[in-house]
Amino acid sequence: MGVKAINLGTHQTLSAASMATARCELSEDQDSALHSLENNIRRLNACIARATEEGLIVELTRKSRYHSSTGAAWGDQMMPMVSSKT
């Protein structure tokens, strides 16, 4: 089974049919996890926007790479690097 990528950052540029097809290939648990991830990324982006409006510089960097218990999947865990212009 090959790896299929769903790019959350550019999902707006995918047609609705393309996104629906990609999501149909996911299990119910995978789709739920992806939905949670999408929602949390939106909240994170809103927090980053607020922090930058308050004069902070925010850069996300990879803190570690998490591997599933089976070793079949992985994901990058992020850490904010924050500094102030003032």
N, C-alpha and C. Protein backbone atom coordinates (compact mmCIF):
# COMPACT_ATOMS: atom_id res chain seq x y z
N MET A 1 0.84 -1.17 0.00
CA MET A 1 0.00 0.00 0.00
C MET A 1 0.88 1.24 0.00
N GLY A 2 0.69 2.12 -0.95
CA GLY A 2 1.49 3.33 -1.05
C GLY A 2 1.00 4.41 -0.11
N VAL A 3 1.83 5.41 0.06
CA VAL A 3 1.47 6.54 0.91
C VAL A 3 0.73 7.57 0.06
N LYS A 4 -0.42 8.01 0.54
CA LYS A 4 -1.18 9.06 -0.14
C LYS A 4 -1.12 10.30 0.74
N ALA A 5 -0.82 11.43 0.13
CA ALA A 5 -0.70 12.67 0.89
C ALA A 5 -1.96 13.51 0.75
N ILE A 6 -2.40 14.07 1.85
CA ILE A 6 -3.46 15.05 1.85
C ILE A 6 -2.84 16.31 2.44
N ASN A 7 -2.64 17.32 1.61
CA ASN A 7 -1.98 18.54 2.05
C ASN A 7 -3.01 19.46 2.68
N LEU A 8 -2.97 19.58 4.01
CA LEU A 8 -3.94 20.42 4.71
C LEU A 8 -3.72 21.89 4.39
N GLY A 9 -2.49 22.28 4.11
CA GLY A 9 -2.20 23.68 3.85
C GLY A 9 -2.76 24.19 2.54
N THR A 10 -3.02 23.30 1.60
CA THR A 10 -3.53 23.75 0.31
C THR A 10 -4.87 23.14 -0.02
N HIS A 11 -5.60 22.67 1.00
CA HIS A 11 -6.85 21.99 0.72
C HIS A 11 -7.85 22.89 0.00
N GLN A 12 -7.70 24.21 0.11
CA GLN A 12 -8.61 25.11 -0.58
C GLN A 12 -8.45 25.02 -2.10
N THR A 13 -7.27 24.66 -2.57
CA THR A 13 -7.03 24.60 -4.01
C THR A 13 -7.48 23.29 -4.63
N LEU A 14 -7.79 22.29 -3.80
CA LEU A 14 -8.28 21.03 -4.32
C LEU A 14 -9.77 21.17 -4.63
N SER A 15 -10.20 20.51 -5.66
CA SER A 15 -11.64 20.52 -5.94
C SER A 15 -12.35 19.75 -4.85
N ALA A 16 -13.61 20.05 -4.66
CA ALA A 16 -14.40 19.34 -3.64
C ALA A 16 -14.41 17.85 -3.93
N ALA A 17 -14.48 17.48 -5.21
CA ALA A 17 -14.50 16.07 -5.59
C ALA A 17 -13.18 15.40 -5.23
N SER A 18 -12.05 16.09 -5.47
CA SER A 18 -10.74 15.52 -5.14
C SER A 18 -10.59 15.30 -3.65
N MET A 19 -11.02 16.28 -2.85
CA MET A 19 -10.91 16.15 -1.41
C MET A 19 -11.84 15.04 -0.91
N ALA A 20 -13.04 14.97 -1.45
CA ALA A 20 -13.98 13.92 -1.04
C ALA A 20 -13.42 12.55 -1.37
N THR A 21 -12.79 12.40 -2.53
CA THR A 21 -12.20 11.13 -2.92
C THR A 21 -11.08 10.76 -1.96
N ALA A 22 -10.21 11.72 -1.63
CA ALA A 22 -9.10 11.45 -0.72
C ALA A 22 -9.63 11.04 0.66
N ARG A 23 -10.66 11.71 1.12
CA ARG A 23 -11.20 11.41 2.45
C ARG A 23 -11.95 10.08 2.45
N CYS A 24 -12.56 9.68 1.33
CA CYS A 24 -13.27 8.41 1.27
C CYS A 24 -12.32 7.23 1.44
N GLU A 25 -11.06 7.42 1.12
CA GLU A 25 -10.08 6.35 1.23
C GLU A 25 -9.59 6.18 2.66
N LEU A 26 -9.99 7.07 3.57
CA LEU A 26 -9.58 6.98 4.96
C LEU A 26 -10.58 6.16 5.76
N SER A 27 -10.07 5.49 6.79
CA SER A 27 -10.99 4.79 7.70
C SER A 27 -11.73 5.86 8.51
N GLU A 28 -12.78 5.44 9.21
CA GLU A 28 -13.54 6.38 10.03
C GLU A 28 -12.66 6.99 11.12
N ASP A 29 -11.81 6.17 11.74
CA ASP A 29 -10.91 6.68 12.78
C ASP A 29 -9.88 7.65 12.19
N GLN A 30 -9.35 7.33 11.00
CA GLN A 30 -8.39 8.22 10.35
C GLN A 30 -9.05 9.55 9.98
N ASP A 31 -10.27 9.48 9.46
CA ASP A 31 -10.99 10.70 9.09
C ASP A 31 -11.25 11.56 10.32
N SER A 32 -11.61 10.93 11.43
CA SER A 32 -11.85 11.67 12.67
C SER A 32 -10.56 12.34 13.16
N ALA A 33 -9.45 11.60 13.10
CA ALA A 33 -8.16 12.16 13.52
C ALA A 33 -7.75 13.32 12.61
N LEU A 34 -7.99 13.18 11.31
CA LEU A 34 -7.67 14.24 10.36
C LEU A 34 -8.53 15.47 10.63
N HIS A 35 -9.82 15.27 10.90
CA HIS A 35 -10.72 16.38 11.20
C HIS A 35 -10.24 17.13 12.44
N SER A 36 -9.85 16.39 13.47
CA SER A 36 -9.33 17.00 14.70
C SER A 36 -8.06 17.79 14.41
N LEU A 37 -7.17 17.21 13.61
CA LEU A 37 -5.93 17.89 13.24
C LEU A 37 -6.22 19.18 12.48
N GLU A 38 -7.13 19.13 11.52
CA GLU A 38 -7.50 20.33 10.76
C GLU A 38 -8.02 21.44 11.68
N ASN A 39 -8.91 21.07 12.60
CA ASN A 39 -9.46 22.05 13.53
C ASN A 39 -8.39 22.66 14.43
N ASN A 40 -7.49 21.82 14.92
CA ASN A 40 -6.44 22.32 15.79
C ASN A 40 -5.44 23.19 15.04
N ILE A 41 -5.17 22.88 13.78
CA ILE A 41 -4.28 23.72 12.98
C ILE A 41 -4.92 25.08 12.75
N ARG A 42 -6.23 25.12 12.50
CA ARG A 42 -6.92 26.41 12.36
C ARG A 42 -6.79 27.24 13.64
N ARG A 43 -6.98 26.59 14.79
CA ARG A 43 -6.85 27.31 16.08
C ARG A 43 -5.41 27.78 16.30
N LEU A 44 -4.44 26.92 15.96
CA LEU A 44 -3.04 27.29 16.09
C LEU A 44 -2.72 28.50 15.22
N ASN A 45 -3.20 28.47 13.97
CA ASN A 45 -2.95 29.60 13.06
C ASN A 45 -3.57 30.89 13.59
N ALA A 46 -4.75 30.80 14.20
CA ALA A 46 -5.38 31.99 14.78
C ALA A 46 -4.54 32.51 15.96
N CYS A 47 -4.00 31.61 16.76
CA CYS A 47 -3.14 32.01 17.88
C CYS A 47 -1.85 32.65 17.38
N ILE A 48 -1.30 32.11 16.32
CA ILE A 48 -0.08 32.69 15.74
C ILE A 48 -0.37 34.09 15.22
N ALA A 49 -1.50 34.27 14.55
CA ALA A 49 -1.87 35.60 14.03
C ALA A 49 -2.02 36.59 15.18
N ARG A 50 -2.67 36.17 16.27
CA ARG A 50 -2.84 37.06 17.43
C ARG A 50 -1.50 37.42 18.03
N ALA A 51 -0.62 36.44 18.18
CA ALA A 51 0.70 36.69 18.76
C ALA A 51 1.50 37.66 17.89
N THR A 52 1.44 37.50 16.58
CA THR A 52 2.18 38.41 15.70
C THR A 52 1.58 39.81 15.74
N GLU A 53 0.26 39.91 15.89
CA GLU A 53 -0.37 41.23 16.03
C GLU A 53 0.07 41.92 17.31
N GLU A 54 0.46 41.13 18.31
CA GLU A 54 0.94 41.68 19.59
C GLU A 54 2.45 41.92 19.57
N GLY A 55 3.08 41.74 18.41
CA GLY A 55 4.49 42.06 18.27
C GLY A 55 5.46 40.91 18.45
N LEU A 56 4.95 39.69 18.51
CA LEU A 56 5.84 38.54 18.64
C LEU A 56 6.18 37.95 17.27
N ILE A 57 7.34 37.37 17.20
CA ILE A 57 7.76 36.65 16.00
C ILE A 57 7.65 35.17 16.35
N VAL A 58 6.90 34.43 15.56
CA VAL A 58 6.63 33.02 15.86
C VAL A 58 7.11 32.15 14.70
N GLU A 59 7.94 31.19 15.03
CA GLU A 59 8.40 30.21 14.03
C GLU A 59 8.21 28.83 14.61
N LEU A 60 7.55 27.96 13.85
CA LEU A 60 7.38 26.57 14.30
C LEU A 60 8.53 25.73 13.76
N THR A 61 9.12 24.95 14.62
CA THR A 61 10.19 24.04 14.20
C THR A 61 9.86 22.64 14.69
N ARG A 62 10.42 21.67 14.03
CA ARG A 62 10.18 20.28 14.44
C ARG A 62 10.92 20.00 15.74
N LYS A 63 10.16 19.55 16.73
CA LYS A 63 10.75 19.18 18.03
C LYS A 63 11.19 17.73 18.01
N SER A 64 10.33 16.89 17.44
CA SER A 64 10.64 15.46 17.38
C SER A 64 9.77 14.82 16.31
N ARG A 65 10.06 13.60 16.02
CA ARG A 65 9.25 12.83 15.08
C ARG A 65 8.63 11.68 15.86
N TYR A 66 7.29 11.62 15.83
CA TYR A 66 6.56 10.57 16.54
C TYR A 66 6.30 9.41 15.57
N HIS A 67 6.60 8.20 15.99
CA HIS A 67 6.33 7.01 15.20
C HIS A 67 5.21 6.21 15.86
N SER A 68 4.28 5.74 15.05
CA SER A 68 3.17 4.94 15.58
C SER A 68 3.71 3.68 16.23
N SER A 69 2.88 3.04 17.04
CA SER A 69 3.31 1.84 17.75
C SER A 69 3.67 0.71 16.80
N THR A 70 3.09 0.72 15.59
CA THR A 70 3.42 -0.31 14.61
C THR A 70 4.62 0.08 13.75
N GLY A 71 5.01 1.35 13.82
CA GLY A 71 6.11 1.83 12.99
C GLY A 71 5.71 2.12 11.56
N ALA A 72 4.42 1.99 11.25
CA ALA A 72 3.96 2.17 9.88
C ALA A 72 3.69 3.62 9.51
N ALA A 73 3.62 4.49 10.51
CA ALA A 73 3.31 5.89 10.24
C ALA A 73 4.12 6.77 11.18
N TRP A 74 4.30 8.01 10.79
CA TRP A 74 5.02 8.96 11.63
C TRP A 74 4.44 10.35 11.43
N GLY A 75 4.76 11.22 12.38
CA GLY A 75 4.33 12.61 12.29
C GLY A 75 5.30 13.50 13.03
N ASP A 76 5.49 14.70 12.50
CA ASP A 76 6.38 15.67 13.14
C ASP A 76 5.64 16.37 14.28
N GLN A 77 6.29 16.46 15.42
CA GLN A 77 5.76 17.22 16.55
C GLN A 77 6.47 18.56 16.57
N MET A 78 5.69 19.63 16.76
CA MET A 78 6.22 20.98 16.58
C MET A 78 6.46 21.68 17.91
N MET A 79 7.33 22.69 17.84
CA MET A 79 7.66 23.53 18.99
C MET A 79 7.75 24.96 18.50
N PRO A 80 7.13 25.91 19.19
CA PRO A 80 7.25 27.30 18.75
C PRO A 80 8.57 27.93 19.22
N MET A 81 9.19 28.67 18.36
CA MET A 81 10.34 29.51 18.71
C MET A 81 9.79 30.93 18.65
N VAL A 82 9.78 31.61 19.78
CA VAL A 82 9.14 32.93 19.87
C VAL A 82 10.15 33.98 20.31
N SER A 83 10.11 35.11 19.64
CA SER A 83 10.92 36.25 20.06
C SER A 83 10.09 37.50 19.91
N SER A 84 10.58 38.58 20.48
CA SER A 84 9.85 39.85 20.46
C SER A 84 10.68 40.90 19.77
N LYS A 85 10.03 41.73 18.99
CA LYS A 85 10.73 42.84 18.33
C LYS A 85 10.99 43.96 19.28
N THR A 86 10.27 44.01 20.40
CA THR A 86 10.43 45.13 21.34
C THR A 86 11.40 44.83 22.43
